């Protein structure tokens, strides 16, 4: 007994050390909305997205090369289809972020945490718990107060775009969980495919609208390049690898709860750095969103178990090395 008691401080210290990188991911994700506003304007959003992911793809691809070579044709097509949806999420989210405050963007996008279990219940034709429905109602009320700044004014364009991103993100998560072609695919490889397809979409759109990515890159000063590298290296690359590591070093539930603090950090950066000002009722709305999304996470109905995979043809690949309890398939926020 004394020996086990003496181990408690070590275990506690080890737990804190495992949690800190995950919490740091939530912090950098919370700062991403402010970073977007520092490097993009309405006319340069698409070019900025090309630059952001163009910096990430070679680095991620070098690590994922072996896994990419093992992908089947169905996995490539499945990842490409999800990449098209992912491009829509990033476009809506990023355009929304430059048309509203960093605080609003971070809080509204967090509604995906509540919308996803609702979609899961609808698809499974099961009624969610009453406590979860109350939390969802509080979240909607909070967004109404937040986007109307405490009044009866309609939400701004940016608020609606971010809300649209939250809806599409919900559909994306539900689709990824049900796409048989990628269900057991190596997460590193399928992430690269999705980001590559999304970047291709951004590159095509950039040819049709707005300045070319290289023109925007030449116009950036040191501060803007620092924010862009922050988005690419920390909000995307670092965040992905920390999730991959953390889900094996601790429990997926613990990772999920720590990452759930992202909207709180978005509000902190929006108010302290960007100087966002919120009236009393809008502030109440923001608090309601934070409370409701966390309450919703804790009372959400458990997802239905995934159906058993259908055995592939003879000679097909065996199970990959991705842990079945890996991080949730939500896209990296902007």
Foldseek 3Di string as FASTA:
>chain_A
DVVVVVCVVVVVVVVVVLLVLLLVLLLLLLCLLVLLLLQDALQCLLLLLLVQLVVQLVVLCVVCVVLLVQADPLLLVVLLVLLVLVLLLSVLLSSLSNFDFLLLLLLLLLLLLLVLLVVLCVVVVHDADPLLVVLNVLLVVLNCCQQVLNDNDDGTPSNVSSNVSSVSLSVSLVVCCVSLSCNQGDPSNSVSSSSVSSSVVSQVVCVVGHDHSVVSVVVDDPVSVVSSCSCRVRLAVSNVVSQQVSVVVDPLLSSVLSSLCNSVSNNVCRCPPVVDDGDPSSVVSSVSSSVSSNSNNVRRDDRDDDDDRDDDDPPRDDGDPRDSRGHRPGDRRD
